[in-house]
C-alpha cells in the first residue's frame, strides 16, 4: 500500500507531505495505481519547484518508494496551495477508485 501523509498546521496551511510504499496493485512495471500515484506526486513536486519556485526540501528513496517534501517557508504561496489541493484531489480519486488497500491518505497536524 502507498500511504501519503499530508502535514498541515493548526491554521490549515500545508507544511509538506510524505509518500511511502508501493501500491501492490499489480507486479512491478504493471502497477497502474503505483504509476498514477507516482505521476501525480512527481508532477506536483516539479510544478512546485519550477512554476511557483516554492522553497522546499525534497528527499527520496527509490528502494522504499519514499518521497518527502517539506516547505521551508510558511505559509506557502496561493499558487502552491492550489497545486497541493490538486494533488490531494487526484490522490483522493485514486483511493476512491482502487480502494484504501492500495492508496491511503492521512492528514496530520504539525
PDB file of N, CA and C in Angstrom:
ATOM      1  N   UNK A   1       0.834  -1.173   0.000  1.00  0.00           N
ATOM      2  CA  UNK A   1       0.000   0.000   0.000  1.00  0.00           C
ATOM      3  C   UNK A   1       0.884   1.245   0.000  1.00  0.00           C
ATOM      4  N   UNK A   2       0.431   2.255  -0.735  1.00  0.00           N
ATOM      5  CA  UNK A   2       1.093   3.556  -0.687  1.00  0.00           C
ATOM      6  C   UNK A   2       0.345   4.416   0.309  1.00  0.00           C
ATOM      7  N   UNK A   3       1.072   4.957   1.250  1.00  0.00           N
ATOM      8  CA  UNK A   3       0.494   5.827   2.269  1.00  0.00           C
ATOM      9  C   UNK A   3       1.030   7.238   2.036  1.00  0.00           C
ATOM     10  N   UNK A   4       0.125   8.196   1.865  1.00  0.00           N
ATOM     11  CA  UNK A   4       0.531   9.587   1.668  1.00  0.00           C
ATOM     12  C   UNK A   4       0.040  10.380   2.868  1.00  0.00           C
ATOM     13  N   UNK A   5       0.983  10.959   3.600  1.00  0.00           N
ATOM     14  CA  UNK A   5       0.651  11.757   4.776  1.00  0.00           C
ATOM     15  C   UNK A   5       0.876  13.216   4.443  1.00  0.00           C
ATOM     16  N   UNK A   6      -0.164  14.009   4.592  1.00  0.00           N
ATOM     17  CA  UNK A   6      -0.075  15.457   4.388  1.00  0.00           C
ATOM     18  C   UNK A   6       0.015  16.114   5.754  1.00  0.00           C
ATOM     19  N   UNK A   7       0.981  16.994   5.887  1.00  0.00           N
ATOM     20  CA  UNK A   7       1.193  17.701   7.143  1.00  0.00           C
ATOM     21  C   UNK A   7       0.641  19.113   6.996  1.00  0.00           C
ATOM     22  N   UNK A   8      -0.228  19.487   7.960  1.00  0.00           N
ATOM     23  CA  UNK A   8      -0.839  20.812   7.936  1.00  0.00           C
ATOM     24  C   UNK A   8      -0.710  21.445   9.322  1.00  0.00           C
ATOM     25  N   UNK A   9      -0.639  22.764   9.318  1.00  0.00           N
ATOM     26  CA  UNK A   9      -0.584  23.500  10.579  1.00  0.00           C
ATOM     27  C   UNK A   9      -1.981  23.574  11.188  1.00  0.00           C
ATOM     28  N   UNK A  10      -2.062  24.066  12.408  1.00  0.00           N
ATOM     29  CA  UNK A  10      -3.356  24.244  13.067  1.00  0.00           C
ATOM     30  C   UNK A  10      -4.243  25.200  12.281  1.00  0.00           C
ATOM     31  N   UNK A  11      -3.620  26.109  11.533  1.00  0.00           N
ATOM     32  CA  UNK A  11      -4.362  27.071  10.717  1.00  0.00           C
ATOM     33  C   UNK A  11      -4.779  26.475   9.368  1.00  0.00           C
ATOM     34  N   UNK A  12      -4.406  25.201   9.117  1.00  0.00           N
ATOM     35  CA  UNK A  12      -4.801  24.548   7.878  1.00  0.00           C
ATOM     36  C   UNK A  12      -3.851  24.760   6.714  1.00  0.00           C
ATOM     37  N   UNK A  13      -2.672  25.314   6.991  1.00  0.00           N
ATOM     38  CA  UNK A  13      -1.676  25.550   5.937  1.00  0.00           C
ATOM     39  C   UNK A  13      -0.843  24.296   5.715  1.00  0.00           C
ATOM     40  N   UNK A  14      -0.538  24.009   4.460  1.00  0.00           N
ATOM     41  CA  UNK A  14       0.316  22.861   4.144  1.00  0.00           C
ATOM     42  C   UNK A  14       1.734  23.098   4.662  1.00  0.00           C
ATOM     43  N   UNK A  15       2.290  22.080   5.316  1.00  0.00           N
ATOM     44  CA  UNK A  15       3.676  22.126   5.774  1.00  0.00           C
ATOM     45  C   UNK A  15       4.540  21.151   4.969  1.00  0.00           C
ATOM     46  N   UNK A  16       3.898  20.204   4.264  1.00  0.00           N
ATOM     47  CA  UNK A  16       4.618  19.228   3.459  1.00  0.00           C
ATOM     48  C   UNK A  16       3.851  17.931   3.361  1.00  0.00           C
ATOM     49  N   UNK A  17       4.517  16.910   2.833  1.00  0.00           N
ATOM     50  CA  UNK A  17       3.893  15.594   2.729  1.00  0.00           C
ATOM     51  C   UNK A  17       4.959  14.526   2.582  1.00  0.00           C
ATOM     52  N   UNK A  18       4.567  13.299   2.895  1.00  0.00           N
ATOM     53  CA  UNK A  18       5.407  12.124   2.701  1.00  0.00           C
ATOM     54  C   UNK A  18       4.586  11.090   1.948  1.00  0.00           C
ATOM     55  N   UNK A  19       5.172  10.531   0.913  1.00  0.00           N
ATOM     56  CA  UNK A  19       4.558   9.450   0.146  1.00  0.00           C
ATOM     57  C   UNK A  19       5.451   8.240   0.348  1.00  0.00           C
ATOM     58  N   UNK A  20       4.870   7.132   0.849  1.00  0.00           N
ATOM     59  CA  UNK A  20       5.694   5.994   1.232  1.00  0.00           C
ATOM     60  C   UNK A  20       5.064   4.676   0.795  1.00  0.00           C
ATOM     61  N   UNK A  21       5.900   3.827   0.228  1.00  0.00           N
ATOM     62  CA  UNK A  21       5.485   2.474  -0.089  1.00  0.00           C
ATOM     63  C   UNK A  21       5.063   2.294  -1.539  1.00  0.00           C
ATOM     64  N   UNK A  22       4.877   1.040  -1.896  1.00  0.00           N
ATOM     65  CA  UNK A  22       4.430   0.668  -3.230  1.00  0.00           C
ATOM     66  C   UNK A  22       2.991   0.183  -3.135  1.00  0.00           C
ATOM     67  N   UNK A  23       2.178   0.542  -4.097  1.00  0.00           N
ATOM     68  CA  UNK A  23       0.745   0.242  -4.033  1.00  0.00           C
ATOM     69  C   UNK A  23       0.458  -1.253  -3.930  1.00  0.00           C
ATOM     70  N   UNK A  24       1.158  -2.068  -4.697  1.00  0.00           N
ATOM     71  CA  UNK A  24       0.916  -3.506  -4.654  1.00  0.00           C
ATOM     72  C   UNK A  24      -0.324  -3.943  -5.398  1.00  0.00           C
ATOM     73  N   UNK A  25      -0.805  -3.121  -6.307  1.00  0.00           N
ATOM     74  CA  UNK A  25      -1.988  -3.457  -7.099  1.00  0.00           C
ATOM     75  C   UNK A  25      -1.671  -4.536  -8.129  1.00  0.00           C
ATOM     76  N   UNK A  26      -0.445  -4.481  -8.656  1.00  0.00           N
ATOM     77  CA  UNK A  26      -0.007  -5.454  -9.670  1.00  0.00           C
ATOM     78  C   UNK A  26       1.510  -5.596  -9.556  1.00  0.00           C
ATOM     79  N   UNK A  27       2.074  -6.478 -10.373  1.00  0.00           N
ATOM     80  CA  UNK A  27       3.526  -6.673 -10.378  1.00  0.00           C
ATOM     81  C   UNK A  27       4.239  -5.374 -10.781  1.00  0.00           C
ATOM     82  N   UNK A  28       5.492  -5.248 -10.356  1.00  0.00           N
ATOM     83  CA  UNK A  28       6.311  -4.091 -10.723  1.00  0.00           C
ATOM     84  C   UNK A  28       6.328  -3.944 -12.235  1.00  0.00           C
ATOM     85  N   UNK A  29       6.162  -2.724 -12.682  1.00  0.00           N
ATOM     86  CA  UNK A  29       6.126  -2.455 -14.110  1.00  0.00           C
ATOM     87  C   UNK A  29       4.734  -2.561 -14.705  1.00  0.00           C
ATOM     88  N   UNK A  30       3.797  -3.137 -13.956  1.00  0.00           N
ATOM     89  CA  UNK A  30       2.417  -3.315 -14.417  1.00  0.00           C
ATOM     90  C   UNK A  30       1.424  -2.599 -13.486  1.00  0.00           C
ATOM     91  N   UNK A  31       1.922  -1.989 -12.429  1.00  0.00           N
ATOM     92  CA  UNK A  31       1.071  -1.436 -11.379  1.00  0.00           C
ATOM     93  C   UNK A  31       0.576  -0.036 -11.756  1.00  0.00           C
ATOM     94  N   UNK A  32      -0.658   0.025 -12.278  1.00  0.00           N
ATOM     95  CA  UNK A  32      -1.202   1.308 -12.715  1.00  0.00           C
ATOM     96  C   UNK A  32      -1.513   2.238 -11.541  1.00  0.00           C
ATOM     97  N   UNK A  33      -1.819   1.683 -10.391  1.00  0.00           N
ATOM     98  CA  UNK A  33      -2.092   2.518  -9.213  1.00  0.00           C
ATOM     99  C   UNK A  33      -0.808   3.199  -8.768  1.00  0.00           C
ATOM    100  N   UNK A  34       0.264   2.436  -8.667  1.00  0.00           N
ATOM    101  CA  UNK A  34       1.560   3.000  -8.270  1.00  0.00           C
ATOM    102  C   UNK A  34       2.020   4.042  -9.289  1.00  0.00           C
ATOM    103  N   UNK A  35       1.826   3.743 -10.570  1.00  0.00           N
ATOM    104  CA  UNK A  35       2.226   4.682 -11.620  1.00  0.00           C
ATOM    105  C   UNK A  35       1.430   5.981 -11.531  1.00  0.00           C
ATOM    106  N   UNK A  36       0.133   5.875 -11.274  1.00  0.00           N
ATOM    107  CA  UNK A  36      -0.700   7.067 -11.152  1.00  0.00           C
ATOM    108  C   UNK A  36      -0.304   7.923  -9.963  1.00  0.00           C
ATOM    109  N   UNK A  37      -0.076   7.270  -8.829  1.00  0.00           N
ATOM    110  CA  UNK A  37       0.348   7.988  -7.624  1.00  0.00           C
ATOM    111  C   UNK A  37       1.686   8.674  -7.871  1.00  0.00           C
ATOM    112  N   UNK A  38       2.625   7.939  -8.431  1.00  0.00           N
ATOM    113  CA  UNK A  38       3.960   8.493  -8.702  1.00  0.00           C
ATOM    114  C   UNK A  38       3.890   9.687  -9.645  1.00  0.00           C
ATOM    115  N   UNK A  39       3.085   9.556 -10.695  1.00  0.00           N
ATOM    116  CA  UNK A  39       2.966  10.653 -11.659  1.00  0.00           C
ATOM    117  C   UNK A  39       2.406  11.910 -11.001  1.00  0.00           C
ATOM    118  N   UNK A  40       1.381  11.757 -10.182  1.00  0.00           N
ATOM    119  CA  UNK A  40       0.799  12.917  -9.509  1.00  0.00           C
ATOM    120  C   UNK A  40       1.793  13.562  -8.542  1.00  0.00           C
ATOM    121  N   UNK A  41       2.462  12.740  -7.738  1.00  0.00           N
ATOM    122  CA  UNK A  41       3.390  13.259  -6.730  1.00  0.00           C
ATOM    123  C   UNK A  41       4.588  13.941  -7.385  1.00  0.00           C
ATOM    124  N   UNK A  42       5.186  13.294  -8.357  1.00  0.00           N
ATOM    125  CA  UNK A  42       6.367  13.868  -9.012  1.00  0.00           C
ATOM    126  C   UNK A  42       6.002  15.121  -9.786  1.00  0.00           C
ATOM    127  N   UNK A  43       4.846  15.111 -10.461  1.00  0.00           N
ATOM    128  CA  UNK A  43       4.422  16.312 -11.177  1.00  0.00           C
ATOM    129  C   UNK A  43       4.168  17.471 -10.217  1.00  0.00           C
ATOM    130  N   UNK A  44       3.570  17.186  -9.067  1.00  0.00           N
ATOM    131  CA  UNK A  44       3.325  18.246  -8.079  1.00  0.00           C
ATOM    132  C   UNK A  44       4.643  18.838  -7.594  1.00  0.00           C
ATOM    133  N   UNK A  45       5.605  18.001  -7.268  1.00  0.00           N
ATOM    134  CA  UNK A  45       6.914  18.492  -6.808  1.00  0.00           C
ATOM    135  C   UNK A  45       7.594  19.303  -7.903  1.00  0.00           C
ATOM    136  N   UNK A  46       7.600  18.784  -9.135  1.00  0.00           N
ATOM    137  CA  UNK A  46       8.216  19.518 -10.241  1.00  0.00           C
ATOM    138  C   UNK A  46       7.534  20.863 -10.464  1.00  0.00           C
ATOM    139  N   UNK A  47       6.216  20.901 -10.381  1.00  0.00           N
ATOM    140  CA  UNK A  47       5.468  22.142 -10.562  1.00  0.00           C
ATOM    141  C   UNK A  47       5.752  23.129  -9.440  1.00  0.00           C
ATOM    142  N   UNK A  48       5.820  22.625  -8.207  1.00  0.00           N
ATOM    143  CA  UNK A  48       6.145  23.500  -7.075  1.00  0.00           C
ATOM    144  C   UNK A  48       7.538  24.101  -7.240  1.00  0.00           C
ATOM    145  N   UNK A  49       8.486  23.299  -7.734  1.00  0.00           N
ATOM    146  CA  UNK A  49       9.857  23.788  -7.926  1.00  0.00           C
ATOM    147  C   UNK A  49       9.968  24.756  -9.094  1.00  0.00           C
ATOM    148  N   UNK A  50       9.417  24.376 -10.251  1.00  0.00           N
ATOM    149  CA  UNK A  50       9.670  25.119 -11.475  1.00  0.00           C
ATOM    150  C   UNK A  50       8.664  26.224 -11.768  1.00  0.00           C
ATOM    151  N   UNK A  51       7.421  26.051 -11.392  1.00  0.00           N
ATOM    152  CA  UNK A  51       6.411  27.064 -11.697  1.00  0.00           C
ATOM    153  C   UNK A  51       6.290  28.084 -10.576  1.00  0.00           C
ATOM    154  N   UNK A  52       6.125  27.599  -9.330  1.00  0.00           N
ATOM    155  CA  UNK A  52       5.913  28.536  -8.218  1.00  0.00           C
ATOM    156  C   UNK A  52       7.203  28.919  -7.505  1.00  0.00           C
ATOM    157  N   UNK A  53       8.281  28.142  -7.743  1.00  0.00           N
ATOM    158  CA  UNK A  53       9.569  28.385  -7.066  1.00  0.00           C
ATOM    159  C   UNK A  53       9.421  28.337  -5.543  1.00  0.00           C
ATOM    160  N   UNK A  54       8.522  27.470  -5.073  1.00  0.00           N
ATOM    161  CA  UNK A  54       8.262  27.348  -3.632  1.00  0.00           C
ATOM    162  C   UNK A  54       9.502  26.814  -2.927  1.00  0.00           C
ATOM    163  N   UNK A  55       9.977  27.496  -1.881  1.00  0.00           N
ATOM    164  CA  UNK A  55      11.119  26.979  -1.117  1.00  0.00           C
ATOM    165  C   UNK A  55      10.729  25.691  -0.378  1.00  0.00           C
ATOM    166  N   UNK A  56      11.487  24.620  -0.635  1.00  0.00           N
ATOM    167  CA  UNK A  56      11.170  23.347  -0.011  1.00  0.00           C
ATOM    168  C   UNK A  56      12.383  22.438  -0.032  1.00  0.00           C
ATOM    169  N   UNK A  57      12.289  21.397   0.772  1.00  0.00           N
ATOM    170  CA  UNK A  57      13.312  20.361   0.818  1.00  0.00           C
ATOM    171  C   UNK A  57      12.646  19.057   0.387  1.00  0.00           C
ATOM    172  N   UNK A  58      13.254  18.376  -0.589  1.00  0.00           N
ATOM    173  CA  UNK A  58      12.705  17.118  -1.097  1.00  0.00           C
ATOM    174  C   UNK A  58      13.762  16.036  -0.968  1.00  0.00           C
ATOM    175  N   UNK A  59      13.373  14.905  -0.399  1.00  0.00           N
ATOM    176  CA  UNK A  59      14.250  13.737  -0.264  1.00  0.00           C
ATOM    177  C   UNK A  59      13.493  12.538  -0.803  1.00  0.00           C
ATOM    178  N   UNK A  60      14.223  11.594  -1.405  1.00  0.00           N
ATOM    179  CA  UNK A  60      13.566  10.392  -1.892  1.00  0.00           C
ATOM    180  C   UNK A  60      14.455   9.174  -1.713  1.00  0.00           C
ATOM    181  N   UNK A  61      13.808   8.028  -1.627  1.00  0.00           N
ATOM    182  CA  UNK A  61      14.486   6.744  -1.532  1.00  0.00           C
ATOM    183  C   UNK A  61      13.735   5.793  -2.458  1.00  0.00           C
ATOM    184  N   UNK A  62      14.302   5.541  -3.630  1.00  0.00           N
ATOM    185  CA  UNK A  62      13.638   4.735  -4.644  1.00  0.00           C
ATOM    186  C   UNK A  62      13.382   3.307  -4.171  1.00  0.00           C
ATOM    187  N   UNK A  63      14.277   2.769  -3.378  1.00  0.00           N
ATOM    188  CA  UNK A  63      14.140   1.389  -2.910  1.00  0.00           C
ATOM    189  C   UNK A  63      12.900   1.185  -2.047  1.00  0.00           C
ATOM    190  N   UNK A  64      12.642   2.132  -1.140  1.00  0.00           N
ATOM    191  CA  UNK A  64      11.475   2.015  -0.266  1.00  0.00           C
ATOM    192  C   UNK A  64      10.245   2.713  -0.843  1.00  0.00           C
ATOM    193  N   UNK A  65      10.433   3.436  -1.944  1.00  0.00           N
ATOM    194  CA  UNK A  65       9.318   4.163  -2.541  1.00  0.00           C
ATOM    195  C   UNK A  65       8.886   5.338  -1.700  1.00  0.00           C
ATOM    196  N   UNK A  66       9.850   6.032  -1.096  1.00  0.00           N
ATOM    197  CA  UNK A  66       9.538   7.152  -0.212  1.00  0.00           C
ATOM    198  C   UNK A  66       9.964   8.473  -0.830  1.00  0.00           C
ATOM    199  N   UNK A  67       9.056   9.446  -0.780  1.00  0.00           N
ATOM    200  CA  UNK A  67       9.352  10.819  -1.182  1.00  0.00           C
ATOM    201  C   UNK A  67       8.869  11.720  -0.059  1.00  0.00           C
ATOM    202  N   UNK A  68       9.755  12.590   0.419  1.00  0.00           N
ATOM    203  CA  UNK A  68       9.399  13.546   1.465  1.00  0.00           C
ATOM    204  C   UNK A  68       9.561  14.957   0.916  1.00  0.00           C
ATOM    205  N   UNK A  69       8.558  15.775   1.147  1.00  0.00           N
ATOM    206  CA  UNK A  69       8.585  17.168   0.719  1.00  0.00           C
ATOM    207  C   UNK A  69       8.195  18.030   1.917  1.00  0.00           C
ATOM    208  N   UNK A  70       9.071  18.947   2.279  1.00  0.00           N
ATOM    209  CA  UNK A  70       8.816  19.874   3.402  1.00  0.00           C
ATOM    210  C   UNK A  70       8.966  21.297   2.899  1.00  0.00           C
ATOM    211  N   UNK A  71       7.945  22.116   3.163  1.00  0.00           N
ATOM    212  CA  UNK A  71       8.017  23.520   2.779  1.00  0.00           C
ATOM    213  C   UNK A  71       8.845  24.273   3.814  1.00  0.00           C
ATOM    214  N   UNK A  72       9.814  25.034   3.344  1.00  0.00           N
ATOM    215  CA  UNK A  72      10.732  25.709   4.262  1.00  0.00           C
ATOM    216  C   UNK A  72      10.281  27.119   4.619  1.00  0.00           C
ATOM    217  N   UNK A  73       9.304  27.652   3.922  1.00  0.00           N
ATOM    218  CA  UNK A  73       8.706  28.953   4.251  1.00  0.00           C
ATOM    219  C   UNK A  73       7.197  28.773   4.316  1.00  0.00           C
ATOM    220  N   UNK A  74       6.613  29.252   5.388  1.00  0.00           N
ATOM    221  CA  UNK A  74       5.170  29.131   5.522  1.00  0.00           C
ATOM    222  C   UNK A  74       4.578  30.452   5.941  1.00  0.00           C
ATOM    223  N   UNK A  75       3.374  30.752   5.502  1.00  0.00           N
ATOM    224  CA  UNK A  75       2.528  29.923   4.659  1.00  0.00           C
ATOM    225  C   UNK A  75       3.050  29.875   3.223  1.00  0.00           C
ATOM    226  N   UNK A  76       2.670  28.814   2.517  1.00  0.00           N
ATOM    227  CA  UNK A  76       3.095  28.699   1.130  1.00  0.00           C
ATOM    228  C   UNK A  76       2.259  29.648   0.266  1.00  0.00           C
ATOM    229  N   UNK A  77       2.748  29.895  -0.928  1.00  0.00           N
ATOM    230  CA  UNK A  77       2.066  30.791  -1.860  1.00  0.00           C
ATOM    231  C   UNK A  77       0.691  30.243  -2.243  1.00  0.00           C
ATOM    232  N   UNK A  78      -0.209  31.123  -2.664  1.00  0.00           N
ATOM    233  CA  UNK A  78      -1.535  30.699  -3.096  1.00  0.00           C
ATOM    234  C   UNK A  78      -1.462  29.711  -4.254  1.00  0.00           C
ATOM    235  N   UNK A  79      -0.557  29.954  -5.202  1.00  0.00           N
ATOM    236  CA  UNK A  79      -0.425  29.048  -6.348  1.00  0.00           C
ATOM    237  C   UNK A  79       0.079  27.683  -5.894  1.00  0.00           C
ATOM    238  N   UNK A  80       0.939  27.649  -4.904  1.00  0.00           N
ATOM    239  CA  UNK A  80       1.427  26.377  -4.363  1.00  0.00           C
ATOM    240  C   UNK A  80       0.316  25.643  -3.627  1.00  0.00           C
ATOM    241  N   UNK A  81      -0.517  26.392  -2.927  1.00  0.00           N
ATOM    242  CA  UNK A  81      -1.661  25.784  -2.223  1.00  0.00           C
ATOM    243  C   UNK A  81      -2.605  25.141  -3.241  1.00  0.00           C
ATOM    244  N   UNK A  82      -2.812  25.803  -4.366  1.00  0.00           N
ATOM    245  CA  UNK A  82      -3.665  25.241  -5.412  1.00  0.00           C
ATOM    246  C   UNK A  82      -3.070  23.938  -5.946  1.00  0.00           C
ATOM    247  N   UNK A  83      -1.757  23.911  -6.160  1.00  0.00           N
ATOM    248  CA  UNK A  83      -1.104  22.684  -6.619  1.00  0.00           C
ATOM    249  C   UNK A  83      -1.244  21.570  -5.587  1.00  0.00           C
ATOM    250  N   UNK A  84      -1.113  21.896  -4.312  1.00  0.00           N
ATOM    251  CA  UNK A  84      -1.267  20.883  -3.263  1.00  0.00           C
ATOM    252  C   UNK A  84      -2.713  20.390  -3.188  1.00  0.00           C
ATOM    253  N   UNK A  85      -3.677  21.302  -3.312  1.00  0.00           N
ATOM    254  CA  UNK A  85      -5.085  20.888  -3.323  1.00  0.00           C
ATOM    255  C   UNK A  85      -5.355  19.956  -4.503  1.00  0.00           C
ATOM    256  N   UNK A  86      -4.741  20.250  -5.644  1.00  0.00           N
ATOM    257  CA  UNK A  86      -4.893  19.406  -6.827  1.00  0.00           C
ATOM    258  C   UNK A  86      -4.285  18.022  -6.589  1.00  0.00           C
ATOM    259  N   UNK A  87      -3.132  17.969  -5.934  1.00  0.00           N
ATOM    260  CA  UNK A  87      -2.504  16.691  -5.596  1.00  0.00           C
ATOM    261  C   UNK A  87      -3.422  15.874  -4.693  1.00  0.00           C
ATOM    262  N   UNK A  88      -3.966  16.505  -3.667  1.00  0.00           N
ATOM    263  CA  UNK A  88      -4.881  15.810  -2.751  1.00  0.00           C
ATOM    264  C   UNK A  88      -6.095  15.292  -3.515  1.00  0.00           C
ATOM    265  N   UNK A  89      -6.651  16.109  -4.395  1.00  0.00           N
ATOM    266  CA  UNK A  89      -7.812  15.693  -5.176  1.00  0.00           C
ATOM    267  C   UNK A  89      -7.496  14.469  -6.031  1.00  0.00           C
ATOM    268  N   UNK A  90      -6.399  14.512  -6.761  1.00  0.00           N
ATOM    269  CA  UNK A  90      -6.027  13.393  -7.618  1.00  0.00           C
ATOM    270  C   UNK A  90      -5.798  12.110  -6.837  1.00  0.00           C
ATOM    271  N   UNK A  91      -5.086  12.219  -5.720  1.00  0.00           N
ATOM    272  CA  UNK A  91      -4.814  11.041  -4.896  1.00  0.00           C
ATOM    273  C   UNK A  91      -6.083  10.515  -4.232  1.00  0.00           C
ATOM    274  N   UNK A  92      -6.974  11.419  -3.848  1.00  0.00           N
ATOM    275  CA  UNK A  92      -8.256  11.016  -3.264  1.00  0.00           C
ATOM    276  C   UNK A  92      -9.060  10.205  -4.268  1.00  0.00           C
ATOM    277  N   UNK A  93      -9.063  10.642  -5.519  1.00  0.00           N
ATOM    278  CA  UNK A  93      -9.806   9.921  -6.569  1.00  0.00           C
ATOM    279  C   UNK A  93      -9.208   8.529  -6.805  1.00  0.00           C
ATOM    280  N   UNK A  94      -7.887   8.415  -6.759  1.00  0.00           N
ATOM    281  CA  UNK A  94      -7.260   7.093  -6.906  1.00  0.00           C
ATOM    282  C   UNK A  94      -7.678   6.190  -5.748  1.00  0.00           C
ATOM    283  N   UNK A  95      -7.634   6.727  -4.528  1.00  0.00           N
ATOM    284  CA  UNK A  95      -8.026   5.934  -3.355  1.00  0.00           C
ATOM    285  C   UNK A  95      -9.489   5.511  -3.443  1.00  0.00           C
ATOM    286  N   UNK A  96     -10.351   6.402  -3.933  1.00  0.00           N
ATOM    287  CA  UNK A  96     -11.771   6.066  -4.068  1.00  0.00           C
ATOM    288  C   UNK A  96     -11.989   4.995  -5.141  1.00  0.00           C
ATOM    289  N   UNK A  97     -11.273   5.104  -6.243  1.00  0.00           N
ATOM    290  CA  UNK A  97     -11.489   4.177  -7.351  1.00  0.00           C
ATOM    291  C   UNK A  97     -10.889   2.798  -7.087  1.00  0.00           C
ATOM    292  N   UNK A  98      -9.690   2.757  -6.500  1.00  0.00           N
ATOM    293  CA  UNK A  98      -8.998   1.477  -6.342  1.00  0.00           C
ATOM    294  C   UNK A  98      -9.025   0.936  -4.914  1.00  0.00           C
ATOM    295  N   UNK A  99      -9.400   1.759  -3.970  1.00  0.00           N
ATOM    296  CA  UNK A  99      -9.539   1.303  -2.592  1.00  0.00           C
ATOM    297  C   UNK A  99      -8.353   1.642  -1.706  1.00  0.00           C
ATOM    298  N   UNK A 100      -8.656   1.731  -0.428  1.00  0.00           N
ATOM    299  CA  UNK A 100      -7.646   2.079   0.569  1.00  0.00           C
ATOM    300  C   UNK A 100      -6.641   0.959   0.795  1.00  0.00           C
ATOM    301  N   UNK A 101      -6.899  -0.184   0.217  1.00  0.00           N
ATOM    302  CA  UNK A 101      -5.938  -1.288   0.285  1.00  0.00           C
ATOM    303  C   UNK A 101      -4.663  -0.931  -0.479  1.00  0.00           C
ATOM    304  N   UNK A 102      -4.798  -0.036  -1.464  1.00  0.00           N
ATOM    305  CA  UNK A 102      -3.668   0.315  -2.325  1.00  0.00           C
ATOM    306  C   UNK A 102      -3.176   1.753  -2.125  1.00  0.00           C
ATOM    307  N   UNK A 103      -4.065   2.647  -1.731  1.00  0.00           N
ATOM    308  CA  UNK A 103      -3.712   4.069  -1.576  1.00  0.00           C
ATOM    309  C   UNK A 103      -4.469   4.650  -0.392  1.00  0.00           C
ATOM    310  N   UNK A 104      -3.736   5.187   0.561  1.00  0.00           N
ATOM    311  CA  UNK A 104      -4.349   5.728   1.770  1.00  0.00           C
ATOM    312  C   UNK A 104      -3.813   7.122   2.035  1.00  0.00           C
ATOM    313  N   UNK A 105      -4.708   8.084   2.231  1.00  0.00           N
ATOM    314  CA  UNK A 105      -4.325   9.450   2.557  1.00  0.00           C
ATOM    315  C   UNK A 105      -4.552   9.707   4.044  1.00  0.00           C
ATOM    316  N   UNK A 106      -3.575  10.367   4.653  1.00  0.00           N
ATOM    317  CA  UNK A 106      -3.633  10.706   6.071  1.00  0.00           C
ATOM    318  C   UNK A 106      -3.312  12.195   6.193  1.00  0.00           C
ATOM    319  N   UNK A 107      -4.000  12.876   7.087  1.00  0.00           N
ATOM    320  CA  UNK A 107      -3.725  14.284   7.339  1.00  0.00           C
ATOM    321  C   UNK A 107      -3.307  14.419   8.794  1.00  0.00           C
ATOM    322  N   UNK A 108      -2.124  14.998   9.018  1.00  0.00           N
ATOM    323  CA  UNK A 108      -1.611  15.183  10.378  1.00  0.00           C
ATOM    324  C   UNK A 108      -1.354  16.651  10.641  1.00  0.00           C
ATOM    325  N   UNK A 109      -1.685  17.068  11.854  1.00  0.00           N
ATOM    326  CA  UNK A 109      -1.408  18.444  12.259  1.00  0.00           C
ATOM    327  C   UNK A 109       0.007  18.523  12.822  1.00  0.00           C
ATOM    328  N   UNK A 110       0.727  19.549  12.392  1.00  0.00           N
ATOM    329  CA  UNK A 110       2.097  19.760  12.881  1.00  0.00           C
ATOM    330  C   UNK A 110       2.217  21.106  13.555  1.00  0.00           C
TER     331      UNK A 110
END
